[in-house]
Amino acid sequence: MNPQESILYRYAELLASCTRARLTGTRGAEDIYVLQVLDCLPSLEFLPQSGKVIDVGSGGGLPGIVWAVYRPDLSVTLLDSVGKKCDAVRDIAGTLGITNVNVICARSEDFARENRETFDLAGARALASAGVCAELLSPLVRVGGHMMTFKGEKVHDEISEVGNSWSRLGLKKPALKFYGGNAKCILSWEKIKPCPKDFPRRAGLAGQKFFWE
C-alpha cells in the first residue's frame, strides 16, 4: 500500500469499530475499504486544482475523507445534519491526523444560505436523485465551479425526468463518467451562471416538490 492507501485502510478500520453512530451500511473493515472507500477513488479526477470543496450528506466521511487524504492542499468541508455522525467523523479525522477537514453539522439548505456560492466543487454520494442533488449542490458552488455525484443503473431515468431544466439552477447539462463497468458512474455538472435567489428552498422541500415540475 502507498501512504494514502494505508491511511484509508486505517480509516475503514475506524469506521468499522465506531460504536457512537452507524457511519456506513457496510460492516467489516475489509468490506468497507473495498466497497466504500476504494469506490470513491474515481472522483479524485473531478477535484479542482486548488480551493475549497464540500461533501454534502457526508455521513461517515465518504467521499470527503478520501479527497482530503489524497489532496492535502484542498480545504475539505464534510457536511451532515446528524450530530452523532459529525462528532464521530471529527474524532476519526483527528485520530488519522487529517488537518484539512472541517466537519459541519447542518442541513445543506441552511448552510448554503450562509455560504452561498463559495465552493469550487460540491459533491455527494448516496444523497438523492440527480435532480434533487443538483438543487442542493448548486447554491454552494461558485460560477465556473463544478458539482458531482455517484450514480448507478437508474442514472439515465433520473436525468430524463429533469429534461432541459438544469439551466434553472445555473448548470450545463450533466456529463457521465462510467467506471467499474456500466453499473456505476459519476454524474457531473459545470456551473455557468449564478443560482437563482429562489434556491435553496426551505429544508426538505427539494425532495417533495421538484424544481423541474
N, C-alpha and C. Protein backbone atom coordinates (compact mmCIF):
# COMPACT_ATOMS: atom_id res chain seq x y z
N MET A 1 0.83 -1.21 0.00
CA MET A 1 0.00 0.00 0.00
C MET A 1 0.86 1.26 0.00
N ASN A 2 0.41 2.28 -0.73
CA ASN A 2 1.08 3.58 -0.65
C ASN A 2 0.62 4.28 0.63
N PRO A 3 1.25 5.40 1.01
CA PRO A 3 0.86 6.07 2.27
C PRO A 3 -0.61 6.45 2.35
N GLN A 4 -1.17 6.90 1.24
CA GLN A 4 -2.60 7.27 1.26
C GLN A 4 -3.48 6.05 1.48
N GLU A 5 -3.15 4.95 0.82
CA GLU A 5 -3.93 3.72 1.00
C GLU A 5 -3.87 3.22 2.43
N SER A 6 -2.71 3.34 3.05
CA SER A 6 -2.55 2.91 4.44
C SER A 6 -3.44 3.73 5.37
N ILE A 7 -3.47 5.04 5.14
CA ILE A 7 -4.33 5.90 5.96
C ILE A 7 -5.80 5.53 5.75
N LEU A 8 -6.18 5.28 4.51
CA LEU A 8 -7.57 5.00 4.23
C LEU A 8 -7.98 3.62 4.72
N TYR A 9 -7.05 2.68 4.78
CA TYR A 9 -7.41 1.38 5.37
C TYR A 9 -7.63 1.53 6.87
N ARG A 10 -6.78 2.35 7.51
CA ARG A 10 -6.99 2.62 8.93
C ARG A 10 -8.32 3.34 9.13
N TYR A 11 -8.66 4.21 8.22
CA TYR A 11 -9.96 4.89 8.25
C TYR A 11 -11.10 3.87 8.19
N ALA A 12 -10.99 2.88 7.31
CA ALA A 12 -12.00 1.82 7.22
C ALA A 12 -12.10 1.05 8.53
N GLU A 13 -10.98 0.80 9.16
CA GLU A 13 -10.99 0.11 10.46
C GLU A 13 -11.72 0.93 11.51
N LEU A 14 -11.50 2.24 11.51
CA LEU A 14 -12.15 3.11 12.47
C LEU A 14 -13.66 3.20 12.21
N LEU A 15 -14.04 3.23 10.95
CA LEU A 15 -15.47 3.21 10.62
C LEU A 15 -16.12 1.93 11.12
N ALA A 16 -15.44 0.81 10.92
CA ALA A 16 -15.99 -0.49 11.32
C ALA A 16 -16.12 -0.62 12.82
N SER A 17 -15.22 0.02 13.55
CA SER A 17 -15.21 -0.14 15.01
C SER A 17 -16.02 0.93 15.74
N CYS A 18 -16.54 1.90 15.00
CA CYS A 18 -17.26 3.00 15.63
C CYS A 18 -18.56 2.51 16.25
N THR A 19 -18.78 2.82 17.52
CA THR A 19 -20.00 2.43 18.23
C THR A 19 -20.89 3.63 18.54
N ARG A 20 -20.42 4.83 18.26
CA ARG A 20 -21.18 6.04 18.59
C ARG A 20 -22.29 6.31 17.59
N ALA A 21 -22.07 5.88 16.34
CA ALA A 21 -23.06 6.12 15.29
C ALA A 21 -22.84 5.11 14.18
N ARG A 22 -23.89 4.78 13.47
CA ARG A 22 -23.79 3.90 12.29
C ARG A 22 -23.33 4.76 11.12
N LEU A 23 -22.06 4.61 10.75
CA LEU A 23 -21.46 5.51 9.77
C LEU A 23 -21.48 4.96 8.35
N THR A 24 -21.71 3.68 8.19
CA THR A 24 -21.77 3.09 6.86
C THR A 24 -22.66 1.87 6.89
N GLY A 25 -23.32 1.59 5.78
CA GLY A 25 -24.17 0.41 5.71
C GLY A 25 -23.39 -0.88 5.58
N THR A 26 -22.11 -0.78 5.29
CA THR A 26 -21.25 -1.94 5.14
C THR A 26 -20.55 -2.24 6.46
N ARG A 27 -20.43 -3.51 6.82
CA ARG A 27 -19.78 -3.90 8.06
C ARG A 27 -18.46 -4.62 7.76
N GLY A 28 -17.49 -4.45 8.64
CA GLY A 28 -16.19 -5.11 8.48
C GLY A 28 -15.23 -4.20 7.74
N ALA A 29 -14.02 -4.04 8.29
CA ALA A 29 -13.06 -3.10 7.73
C ALA A 29 -12.70 -3.41 6.29
N GLU A 30 -12.49 -4.68 5.98
CA GLU A 30 -12.09 -5.05 4.62
C GLU A 30 -13.17 -4.71 3.61
N ASP A 31 -14.42 -5.03 3.95
CA ASP A 31 -15.53 -4.73 3.04
C ASP A 31 -15.73 -3.22 2.90
N ILE A 32 -15.61 -2.49 4.01
CA ILE A 32 -15.75 -1.03 3.93
C ILE A 32 -14.67 -0.46 3.03
N TYR A 33 -13.45 -0.95 3.18
CA TYR A 33 -12.34 -0.44 2.38
C TYR A 33 -12.56 -0.72 0.90
N VAL A 34 -12.94 -1.94 0.57
CA VAL A 34 -13.09 -2.33 -0.84
C VAL A 34 -14.36 -1.75 -1.46
N LEU A 35 -15.48 -1.86 -0.76
CA LEU A 35 -16.77 -1.50 -1.34
C LEU A 35 -17.12 -0.03 -1.20
N GLN A 36 -16.58 0.63 -0.19
CA GLN A 36 -16.94 2.01 0.07
C GLN A 36 -15.78 2.97 -0.22
N VAL A 37 -14.65 2.74 0.42
CA VAL A 37 -13.53 3.67 0.30
C VAL A 37 -12.94 3.66 -1.11
N LEU A 38 -12.58 2.48 -1.61
CA LEU A 38 -11.98 2.42 -2.94
C LEU A 38 -12.97 2.86 -4.02
N ASP A 39 -14.25 2.71 -3.76
CA ASP A 39 -15.26 3.14 -4.73
C ASP A 39 -15.24 4.65 -4.94
N CYS A 40 -14.68 5.39 -3.98
CA CYS A 40 -14.63 6.85 -4.09
C CYS A 40 -13.45 7.35 -4.93
N LEU A 41 -12.48 6.49 -5.20
CA LEU A 41 -11.27 6.95 -5.89
C LEU A 41 -11.54 7.56 -7.27
N PRO A 42 -12.50 7.06 -8.06
CA PRO A 42 -12.74 7.69 -9.37
C PRO A 42 -13.13 9.16 -9.30
N SER A 43 -13.59 9.62 -8.14
CA SER A 43 -14.00 11.02 -8.02
C SER A 43 -12.81 11.96 -7.90
N LEU A 44 -11.61 11.43 -7.66
CA LEU A 44 -10.44 12.29 -7.47
C LEU A 44 -10.16 13.15 -8.70
N GLU A 45 -10.47 12.64 -9.88
CA GLU A 45 -10.17 13.40 -11.10
C GLU A 45 -11.07 14.62 -11.26
N PHE A 46 -12.15 14.71 -10.49
CA PHE A 46 -13.06 15.84 -10.58
C PHE A 46 -12.67 16.98 -9.63
N LEU A 47 -11.69 16.75 -8.78
CA LEU A 47 -11.30 17.78 -7.83
C LEU A 47 -10.60 18.94 -8.52
N PRO A 48 -10.80 20.16 -8.03
CA PRO A 48 -10.16 21.33 -8.66
C PRO A 48 -8.66 21.37 -8.38
N GLN A 49 -7.96 22.20 -9.13
CA GLN A 49 -6.52 22.33 -8.92
C GLN A 49 -6.20 22.92 -7.55
N SER A 50 -7.09 23.75 -7.04
CA SER A 50 -6.90 24.36 -5.73
C SER A 50 -8.25 24.84 -5.23
N GLY A 51 -8.29 25.24 -3.95
CA GLY A 51 -9.50 25.86 -3.44
C GLY A 51 -10.24 25.04 -2.41
N LYS A 52 -11.59 25.19 -2.41
CA LYS A 52 -12.45 24.64 -1.38
C LYS A 52 -13.46 23.67 -2.00
N VAL A 53 -13.62 22.52 -1.36
CA VAL A 53 -14.59 21.54 -1.81
C VAL A 53 -15.47 21.14 -0.64
N ILE A 54 -16.67 20.66 -0.95
CA ILE A 54 -17.60 20.26 0.09
C ILE A 54 -18.27 18.93 -0.28
N ASP A 55 -18.36 18.04 0.71
CA ASP A 55 -19.03 16.75 0.59
C ASP A 55 -20.34 16.88 1.35
N VAL A 56 -21.46 16.88 0.63
CA VAL A 56 -22.78 17.13 1.21
C VAL A 56 -23.46 15.81 1.55
N GLY A 57 -24.01 15.72 2.76
CA GLY A 57 -24.57 14.46 3.23
C GLY A 57 -23.48 13.45 3.45
N SER A 58 -22.40 13.90 4.07
CA SER A 58 -21.15 13.12 4.13
C SER A 58 -21.27 11.83 4.92
N GLY A 59 -22.16 11.78 5.90
CA GLY A 59 -22.31 10.55 6.68
C GLY A 59 -21.02 10.19 7.41
N GLY A 60 -20.44 9.06 7.04
CA GLY A 60 -19.19 8.62 7.63
C GLY A 60 -17.95 9.25 7.04
N GLY A 61 -18.14 10.22 6.11
CA GLY A 61 -17.00 10.93 5.56
C GLY A 61 -16.62 10.56 4.15
N LEU A 62 -17.53 9.90 3.43
CA LEU A 62 -17.24 9.50 2.06
C LEU A 62 -18.08 10.31 1.08
N PRO A 63 -17.44 10.91 0.08
CA PRO A 63 -16.03 10.74 -0.35
C PRO A 63 -15.05 11.75 0.26
N GLY A 64 -15.51 12.64 1.14
CA GLY A 64 -14.68 13.76 1.57
C GLY A 64 -13.37 13.38 2.22
N ILE A 65 -13.37 12.33 3.04
CA ILE A 65 -12.12 11.91 3.68
C ILE A 65 -11.11 11.43 2.64
N VAL A 66 -11.60 10.72 1.64
CA VAL A 66 -10.72 10.27 0.55
C VAL A 66 -10.11 11.48 -0.16
N TRP A 67 -10.93 12.50 -0.43
CA TRP A 67 -10.41 13.71 -1.06
C TRP A 67 -9.33 14.36 -0.20
N ALA A 68 -9.59 14.45 1.09
CA ALA A 68 -8.66 15.12 1.99
C ALA A 68 -7.33 14.39 2.09
N VAL A 69 -7.37 13.07 2.07
CA VAL A 69 -6.14 12.27 2.18
C VAL A 69 -5.29 12.41 0.93
N TYR A 70 -5.93 12.34 -0.23
CA TYR A 70 -5.17 12.41 -1.49
C TYR A 70 -4.84 13.83 -1.90
N ARG A 71 -5.59 14.81 -1.39
CA ARG A 71 -5.35 16.20 -1.78
C ARG A 71 -5.25 17.08 -0.53
N PRO A 72 -4.16 16.97 0.21
CA PRO A 72 -4.00 17.78 1.43
C PRO A 72 -3.91 19.27 1.16
N ASP A 73 -3.75 19.66 -0.12
CA ASP A 73 -3.72 21.08 -0.48
C ASP A 73 -5.10 21.70 -0.53
N LEU A 74 -6.15 20.90 -0.55
CA LEU A 74 -7.51 21.41 -0.63
C LEU A 74 -8.12 21.58 0.77
N SER A 75 -9.02 22.54 0.89
CA SER A 75 -9.84 22.68 2.09
C SER A 75 -11.11 21.88 1.88
N VAL A 76 -11.34 20.87 2.71
CA VAL A 76 -12.45 19.93 2.52
C VAL A 76 -13.46 20.08 3.66
N THR A 77 -14.69 20.42 3.30
CA THR A 77 -15.77 20.51 4.28
C THR A 77 -16.64 19.27 4.18
N LEU A 78 -16.90 18.64 5.31
CA LEU A 78 -17.80 17.50 5.40
C LEU A 78 -19.09 17.99 6.06
N LEU A 79 -20.19 17.94 5.33
CA LEU A 79 -21.46 18.48 5.81
C LEU A 79 -22.47 17.37 6.02
N ASP A 80 -23.02 17.30 7.23
CA ASP A 80 -24.07 16.32 7.51
C ASP A 80 -24.98 16.89 8.59
N SER A 81 -26.22 16.44 8.61
CA SER A 81 -27.19 17.00 9.55
C SER A 81 -27.33 16.18 10.83
N VAL A 82 -26.64 15.04 10.91
CA VAL A 82 -26.76 14.15 12.07
C VAL A 82 -25.58 14.39 13.01
N GLY A 83 -25.86 14.91 14.19
CA GLY A 83 -24.81 15.30 15.12
C GLY A 83 -23.89 14.18 15.53
N LYS A 84 -24.43 12.98 15.80
CA LYS A 84 -23.60 11.86 16.23
C LYS A 84 -22.60 11.46 15.14
N LYS A 85 -23.04 11.51 13.90
CA LYS A 85 -22.14 11.18 12.80
C LYS A 85 -21.04 12.22 12.68
N CYS A 86 -21.41 13.49 12.79
CA CYS A 86 -20.42 14.56 12.69
C CYS A 86 -19.37 14.45 13.79
N ASP A 87 -19.82 14.19 15.01
CA ASP A 87 -18.89 14.06 16.13
C ASP A 87 -17.93 12.89 15.91
N ALA A 88 -18.47 11.76 15.43
CA ALA A 88 -17.64 10.58 15.22
C ALA A 88 -16.62 10.81 14.11
N VAL A 89 -17.05 11.41 13.01
CA VAL A 89 -16.14 11.65 11.89
C VAL A 89 -15.08 12.68 12.27
N ARG A 90 -15.45 13.67 13.05
CA ARG A 90 -14.48 14.67 13.52
C ARG A 90 -13.38 13.99 14.35
N ASP A 91 -13.78 13.05 15.20
CA ASP A 91 -12.81 12.32 16.01
C ASP A 91 -11.93 11.41 15.15
N ILE A 92 -12.54 10.77 14.16
CA ILE A 92 -11.78 9.88 13.27
C ILE A 92 -10.74 10.68 12.49
N ALA A 93 -11.13 11.83 11.96
CA ALA A 93 -10.19 12.67 11.22
C ALA A 93 -9.04 13.10 12.13
N GLY A 94 -9.34 13.41 13.39
CA GLY A 94 -8.29 13.78 14.33
C GLY A 94 -7.35 12.63 14.61
N THR A 95 -7.90 11.43 14.78
CA THR A 95 -7.09 10.24 15.02
C THR A 95 -6.14 9.97 13.86
N LEU A 96 -6.63 10.20 12.65
CA LEU A 96 -5.82 9.95 11.45
C LEU A 96 -4.85 11.09 11.14
N GLY A 97 -4.96 12.19 11.88
CA GLY A 97 -4.08 13.34 11.63
C GLY A 97 -4.41 14.11 10.38
N ILE A 98 -5.68 14.06 9.96
CA ILE A 98 -6.10 14.80 8.77
C ILE A 98 -6.46 16.21 9.20
N THR A 99 -5.72 17.18 8.71
CA THR A 99 -5.86 18.56 9.21
C THR A 99 -6.60 19.48 8.23
N ASN A 100 -6.88 19.03 7.03
CA ASN A 100 -7.53 19.90 6.04
C ASN A 100 -9.02 19.63 5.92
N VAL A 101 -9.61 19.05 6.98
CA VAL A 101 -11.04 18.73 7.01
C VAL A 101 -11.74 19.60 8.04
N ASN A 102 -12.93 20.09 7.66
CA ASN A 102 -13.79 20.84 8.56
C ASN A 102 -15.15 20.17 8.56
N VAL A 103 -15.57 19.62 9.71
CA VAL A 103 -16.84 18.90 9.81
C VAL A 103 -17.91 19.86 10.32
N ILE A 104 -18.99 20.01 9.55
CA ILE A 104 -20.07 20.92 9.89
C ILE A 104 -21.37 20.13 10.04
N CYS A 105 -22.07 20.35 11.14
CA CYS A 105 -23.37 19.71 11.35
C CYS A 105 -24.48 20.71 11.03
N ALA A 106 -25.15 20.52 9.89
CA ALA A 106 -26.21 21.43 9.46
C ALA A 106 -26.94 20.82 8.27
N ARG A 107 -28.16 21.27 8.02
CA ARG A 107 -28.84 20.95 6.78
C ARG A 107 -28.18 21.73 5.66
N SER A 108 -28.08 21.12 4.49
CA SER A 108 -27.38 21.77 3.38
C SER A 108 -28.07 23.08 2.98
N GLU A 109 -29.40 23.11 3.03
CA GLU A 109 -30.13 24.32 2.65
C GLU A 109 -29.77 25.48 3.57
N ASP A 110 -29.69 25.19 4.87
CA ASP A 110 -29.36 26.23 5.84
C ASP A 110 -27.91 26.69 5.70
N PHE A 111 -27.02 25.74 5.49
CA PHE A 111 -25.60 26.07 5.34
C PHE A 111 -25.38 26.89 4.09
N ALA A 112 -26.11 26.58 3.00
CA ALA A 112 -25.93 27.29 1.73
C ALA A 112 -26.33 28.75 1.84
N ARG A 113 -27.30 29.05 2.67
CA ARG A 113 -27.71 30.45 2.82
C ARG A 113 -26.60 31.31 3.41
N GLU A 114 -25.79 30.72 4.26
CA GLU A 114 -24.71 31.46 4.91
C GLU A 114 -23.39 31.35 4.14
N ASN A 115 -23.30 30.41 3.20
CA ASN A 115 -22.05 30.16 2.48
C ASN A 115 -22.34 30.04 0.98
N ARG A 116 -23.10 30.96 0.48
CA ARG A 116 -23.61 30.87 -0.89
C ARG A 116 -22.50 31.00 -1.93
N GLU A 117 -22.46 30.02 -2.83
CA GLU A 117 -21.57 30.03 -4.00
C GLU A 117 -20.12 30.33 -3.62
N THR A 118 -19.63 29.60 -2.62
CA THR A 118 -18.25 29.81 -2.13
C THR A 118 -17.32 28.63 -2.41
N PHE A 119 -17.84 27.52 -2.93
CA PHE A 119 -17.02 26.33 -3.12
C PHE A 119 -16.69 26.12 -4.60
N ASP A 120 -15.51 25.53 -4.82
CA ASP A 120 -15.08 25.21 -6.18
C ASP A 120 -15.69 23.91 -6.69
N LEU A 121 -16.01 23.02 -5.76
CA LEU A 121 -16.66 21.75 -6.10
C LEU A 121 -17.56 21.35 -4.94
N ALA A 122 -18.76 20.91 -5.27
CA ALA A 122 -19.64 20.28 -4.29
C ALA A 122 -19.95 18.88 -4.79
N GLY A 123 -19.83 17.89 -3.90
CA GLY A 123 -20.07 16.51 -4.29
C GLY A 123 -20.92 15.79 -3.27
N ALA A 124 -21.44 14.64 -3.67
CA ALA A 124 -22.27 13.85 -2.78
C ALA A 124 -22.24 12.39 -3.21
N ARG A 125 -22.50 11.54 -2.24
CA ARG A 125 -22.57 10.10 -2.50
C ARG A 125 -23.80 9.56 -1.78
N ALA A 126 -24.68 8.92 -2.52
CA ALA A 126 -25.89 8.34 -1.93
C ALA A 126 -26.74 9.39 -1.23
N LEU A 127 -26.89 10.54 -1.87
CA LEU A 127 -27.63 11.64 -1.26
C LEU A 127 -29.08 11.67 -1.70
N ALA A 128 -29.33 11.71 -3.01
CA ALA A 128 -30.69 11.87 -3.53
C ALA A 128 -30.66 11.61 -5.03
N SER A 129 -31.84 11.72 -5.67
CA SER A 129 -31.89 11.60 -7.12
C SER A 129 -31.08 12.72 -7.76
N ALA A 130 -30.78 12.58 -9.03
CA ALA A 130 -29.92 13.56 -9.71
C ALA A 130 -30.48 14.97 -9.63
N GLY A 131 -31.78 15.13 -9.87
CA GLY A 131 -32.37 16.45 -9.85
C GLY A 131 -32.37 17.07 -8.47
N VAL A 132 -32.73 16.30 -7.47
CA VAL A 132 -32.72 16.80 -6.09
C VAL A 132 -31.31 17.13 -5.66
N CYS A 133 -30.37 16.27 -6.01
CA CYS A 133 -28.98 16.51 -5.67
C CYS A 133 -28.49 17.81 -6.29
N ALA A 134 -28.83 18.04 -7.54
CA ALA A 134 -28.41 19.27 -8.22
C ALA A 134 -28.95 20.50 -7.51
N GLU A 135 -30.21 20.45 -7.07
CA GLU A 135 -30.79 21.60 -6.38
C GLU A 135 -30.07 21.88 -5.06
N LEU A 136 -29.66 20.83 -4.36
CA LEU A 136 -28.98 21.01 -3.08
C LEU A 136 -27.55 21.51 -3.24
N LEU A 137 -26.89 21.08 -4.32
CA LEU A 137 -25.48 21.41 -4.50
C LEU A 137 -25.26 22.76 -5.17
N SER A 138 -26.11 23.13 -6.11
CA SER A 138 -25.86 24.33 -6.91
C SER A 138 -25.69 25.61 -6.09
N PRO A 139 -26.51 25.85 -5.05
CA PRO A 139 -26.33 27.09 -4.30
C PRO A 139 -24.98 27.21 -3.59
N LEU A 140 -24.26 26.10 -3.46
CA LEU A 140 -22.99 26.10 -2.76
C LEU A 140 -21.79 26.40 -3.66
N VAL A 141 -21.97 26.30 -4.98
CA VAL A 141 -20.85 26.31 -5.91
C VAL A 141 -20.74 27.64 -6.65
N ARG A 142 -19.53 28.13 -6.76
CA ARG A 142 -19.27 29.38 -7.48
C ARG A 142 -19.49 29.19 -8.98
N VAL A 143 -19.75 30.26 -9.69
CA VAL A 143 -19.82 30.21 -11.15
C VAL A 143 -18.44 29.81 -11.68
N GLY A 144 -18.41 28.84 -12.57
CA GLY A 144 -17.16 28.29 -13.06
C GLY A 144 -16.73 27.05 -12.32
N GLY A 145 -17.40 26.75 -11.19
CA GLY A 145 -17.11 25.55 -10.42
C GLY A 145 -17.88 24.35 -10.95
N HIS A 146 -17.79 23.26 -10.22
CA HIS A 146 -18.40 22.01 -10.67
C HIS A 146 -19.11 21.29 -9.52
N MET A 147 -19.98 20.37 -9.90
CA MET A 147 -20.70 19.51 -8.97
C MET A 147 -20.60 18.08 -9.46
N MET A 148 -20.66 17.12 -8.53
CA MET A 148 -20.64 15.72 -8.94
C MET A 148 -21.37 14.87 -7.91
N THR A 149 -21.88 13.73 -8.39
CA THR A 149 -22.50 12.76 -7.51
C THR A 149 -22.33 11.37 -8.11
N PHE A 150 -22.29 10.38 -7.25
CA PHE A 150 -22.17 8.99 -7.68
C PHE A 150 -23.56 8.45 -8.01
N LYS A 151 -23.64 7.69 -9.10
CA LYS A 151 -24.92 7.14 -9.52
C LYS A 151 -24.77 5.70 -9.99
N GLY A 152 -25.95 5.04 -10.12
CA GLY A 152 -25.98 3.65 -10.57
C GLY A 152 -26.79 3.49 -11.84
N GLU A 153 -27.44 2.36 -11.97
CA GLU A 153 -28.09 1.99 -13.22
C GLU A 153 -29.29 2.87 -13.57
N LYS A 154 -29.87 3.56 -12.59
CA LYS A 154 -31.05 4.39 -12.85
C LYS A 154 -30.69 5.81 -13.30
N VAL A 155 -29.42 6.06 -13.54
CA VAL A 155 -28.99 7.43 -13.81
C VAL A 155 -29.66 8.04 -15.03
N HIS A 156 -29.87 7.26 -16.08
CA HIS A 156 -30.48 7.80 -17.29
C HIS A 156 -31.92 8.24 -17.03
N ASP A 157 -32.65 7.45 -16.23
CA ASP A 157 -34.02 7.83 -15.88
C ASP A 157 -34.03 9.11 -15.07
N GLU A 158 -33.07 9.24 -14.15
CA GLU A 158 -33.01 10.43 -13.30
C GLU A 158 -32.68 11.68 -14.12
N ILE A 159 -31.83 11.53 -15.12
CA ILE A 159 -31.50 12.66 -15.99
C ILE A 159 -32.71 13.04 -16.85
N SER A 160 -33.37 12.02 -17.38
CA SER A 160 -34.50 12.26 -18.29
C SER A 160 -35.64 12.99 -17.60
N GLU A 161 -35.90 12.67 -16.33
CA GLU A 161 -37.05 13.29 -15.67
C GLU A 161 -36.85 14.79 -15.47
N VAL A 162 -35.61 15.25 -15.43
CA VAL A 162 -35.34 16.68 -15.29
C VAL A 162 -35.45 17.40 -16.63
N GLY A 163 -35.22 16.66 -17.73
CA GLY A 163 -35.33 17.25 -19.06
C GLY A 163 -34.30 18.34 -19.30
N ASN A 164 -34.76 19.50 -19.75
CA ASN A 164 -33.87 20.62 -20.06
C ASN A 164 -33.88 21.69 -18.95
N SER A 165 -34.24 21.29 -17.75
CA SER A 165 -34.42 22.27 -16.67
C SER A 165 -33.17 22.55 -15.86
N TRP A 166 -32.05 21.92 -16.21
CA TRP A 166 -30.82 22.13 -15.44
C TRP A 166 -30.41 23.60 -15.42
N SER A 167 -30.69 24.30 -16.51
CA SER A 167 -30.30 25.71 -16.62
C SER A 167 -30.99 26.58 -15.56
N ARG A 168 -32.11 26.10 -15.04
CA ARG A 168 -32.80 26.86 -13.98
C ARG A 168 -31.95 26.97 -12.72
N LEU A 169 -30.98 26.07 -12.57
CA LEU A 169 -30.07 26.10 -11.42
C LEU A 169 -28.72 26.70 -11.77
N GLY A 170 -28.60 27.21 -13.01
CA GLY A 170 -27.34 27.78 -13.45
C GLY A 170 -26.35 26.76 -13.97
N LEU A 171 -26.85 25.60 -14.39
CA LEU A 171 -25.98 24.48 -14.74
C LEU A 171 -26.03 24.14 -16.22
N LYS A 172 -24.89 23.64 -16.73
CA LYS A 172 -24.87 22.96 -18.02
C LYS A 172 -25.55 21.60 -17.87
N LYS A 173 -25.91 21.00 -18.99
CA LYS A 173 -26.42 19.63 -18.94
C LYS A 173 -25.36 18.72 -18.33
N PRO A 174 -25.77 17.69 -17.59
CA PRO A 174 -24.79 16.84 -16.90
C PRO A 174 -24.01 15.95 -17.86
N ALA A 175 -22.83 15.56 -17.39
CA ALA A 175 -21.99 14.62 -18.13
C ALA A 175 -21.83 13.36 -17.29
N LEU A 176 -21.58 12.24 -17.97
CA LEU A 176 -21.45 10.95 -17.30
C LEU A 176 -20.05 10.38 -17.49
N LYS A 177 -19.50 9.84 -16.41
CA LYS A 177 -18.21 9.15 -16.45
C LYS A 177 -18.41 7.78 -15.79
N PHE A 178 -18.41 6.72 -16.61
CA PHE A 178 -18.63 5.38 -16.08
C PHE A 178 -17.33 4.79 -15.57
N TYR A 179 -17.46 3.93 -14.55
CA TYR A 179 -16.31 3.20 -14.02
C TYR A 179 -16.80 1.86 -13.50
N GLY A 180 -15.91 0.88 -13.45
CA GLY A 180 -16.30 -0.44 -12.96
C GLY A 180 -17.39 -1.09 -13.80
N GLY A 181 -17.30 -0.93 -15.13
CA GLY A 181 -18.36 -1.42 -16.00
C GLY A 181 -19.40 -0.34 -16.21
N ASN A 182 -20.62 -0.76 -16.59
CA ASN A 182 -21.68 0.19 -16.87
C ASN A 182 -22.66 0.36 -15.72
N ALA A 183 -22.36 -0.25 -14.58
CA ALA A 183 -23.28 -0.20 -13.45
C ALA A 183 -23.04 1.00 -12.55
N LYS A 184 -21.86 1.62 -12.64
CA LYS A 184 -21.53 2.74 -11.77
C LYS A 184 -21.03 3.91 -12.60
N CYS A 185 -21.37 5.12 -12.16
CA CYS A 185 -20.90 6.29 -12.88
C CYS A 185 -20.85 7.49 -11.94
N ILE A 186 -20.16 8.51 -12.41
CA ILE A 186 -20.17 9.80 -11.74
C ILE A 186 -20.87 10.79 -12.67
N LEU A 187 -21.88 11.44 -12.13
CA LEU A 187 -22.64 12.45 -12.85
C LEU A 187 -22.10 13.81 -12.44
N SER A 188 -21.74 14.64 -13.41
CA SER A 188 -21.12 15.93 -13.08
C SER A 188 -21.77 17.06 -13.87
N TRP A 189 -21.70 18.25 -13.28
CA TRP A 189 -22.24 19.47 -13.90
C TRP A 189 -21.22 20.59 -13.80
N GLU A 190 -21.24 21.49 -14.75
CA GLU A 190 -20.49 22.74 -14.66
C GLU A 190 -21.46 23.86 -14.32
N LYS A 191 -21.07 24.72 -13.40
CA LYS A 191 -21.89 25.88 -13.00
C LYS A 191 -21.52 27.04 -13.92
N ILE A 192 -22.46 27.49 -14.75
CA ILE A 192 -22.15 28.50 -15.75
C ILE A 192 -22.77 29.87 -15.47
N LYS A 193 -23.69 29.93 -14.53
CA LYS A 193 -24.26 31.22 -14.14
C LYS A 193 -24.76 31.11 -12.70
N PRO A 194 -25.00 32.23 -12.04
CA PRO A 194 -25.42 32.17 -10.63
C PRO A 194 -26.72 31.40 -10.45
N CYS A 195 -26.80 30.71 -9.33
CA CYS A 195 -28.03 30.02 -8.96
C CYS A 195 -29.07 31.08 -8.56
N PRO A 196 -30.30 30.99 -9.05
CA PRO A 196 -31.33 31.97 -8.70
C PRO A 196 -31.51 32.09 -7.18
N LYS A 197 -31.91 33.26 -6.76
CA LYS A 197 -32.09 33.52 -5.33
C LYS A 197 -33.20 32.69 -4.72
N ASP A 198 -34.04 32.08 -5.56
CA ASP A 198 -35.10 31.20 -5.05
C ASP A 198 -34.54 29.95 -4.38
N PHE A 199 -33.27 29.64 -4.65
CA PHE A 199 -32.63 28.45 -4.09
C PHE A 199 -31.48 28.88 -3.17
N PRO A 200 -31.28 28.17 -2.07
CA PRO A 200 -32.02 26.98 -1.64
C PRO A 200 -33.40 27.31 -1.11
N ARG A 201 -34.31 26.37 -1.31
CA ARG A 201 -35.62 26.49 -0.70
C ARG A 201 -35.55 25.98 0.74
N ARG A 202 -36.65 25.99 1.44
CA ARG A 202 -36.62 25.55 2.84
C ARG A 202 -36.23 24.08 2.92
N ALA A 203 -35.66 23.71 4.04
CA ALA A 203 -35.13 22.36 4.22
C ALA A 203 -36.20 21.29 3.96
N GLY A 204 -35.84 20.32 3.14
CA GLY A 204 -36.72 19.19 2.84
C GLY A 204 -37.60 19.36 1.63
N LEU A 205 -37.77 20.58 1.13
CA LEU A 205 -38.71 20.83 0.04
C LEU A 205 -38.21 20.28 -1.29
N ALA A 206 -36.89 20.22 -1.47
CA ALA A 206 -36.33 19.74 -2.75
C ALA A 206 -36.79 18.33 -3.09
N GLY A 207 -36.95 17.50 -2.08
CA GLY A 207 -37.38 16.12 -2.32
C GLY A 207 -38.88 15.93 -2.32
N GLN A 208 -39.63 17.00 -2.08
CA GLN A 208 -41.09 16.91 -2.03
C GLN A 208 -41.75 17.58 -3.23
N LYS A 209 -41.25 18.72 -3.62
CA LYS A 209 -41.78 19.47 -4.77
C LYS A 209 -40.61 19.76 -5.71
N PHE A 210 -40.52 18.98 -6.78
CA PHE A 210 -39.35 19.03 -7.65
C PHE A 210 -39.28 20.36 -8.42
N PHE A 211 -38.09 20.91 -8.52
CA PHE A 211 -37.93 22.21 -9.16
C PHE A 211 -38.25 22.18 -10.65
N TRP A 212 -38.17 21.01 -11.28
CA TRP A 212 -38.36 20.92 -12.73
C TRP A 212 -39.82 20.66 -13.12
N GLU A 213 -40.70 20.52 -12.16
CA GLU A 213 -42.10 20.22 -12.49
C GLU A 213 -42.95 21.49 -12.53
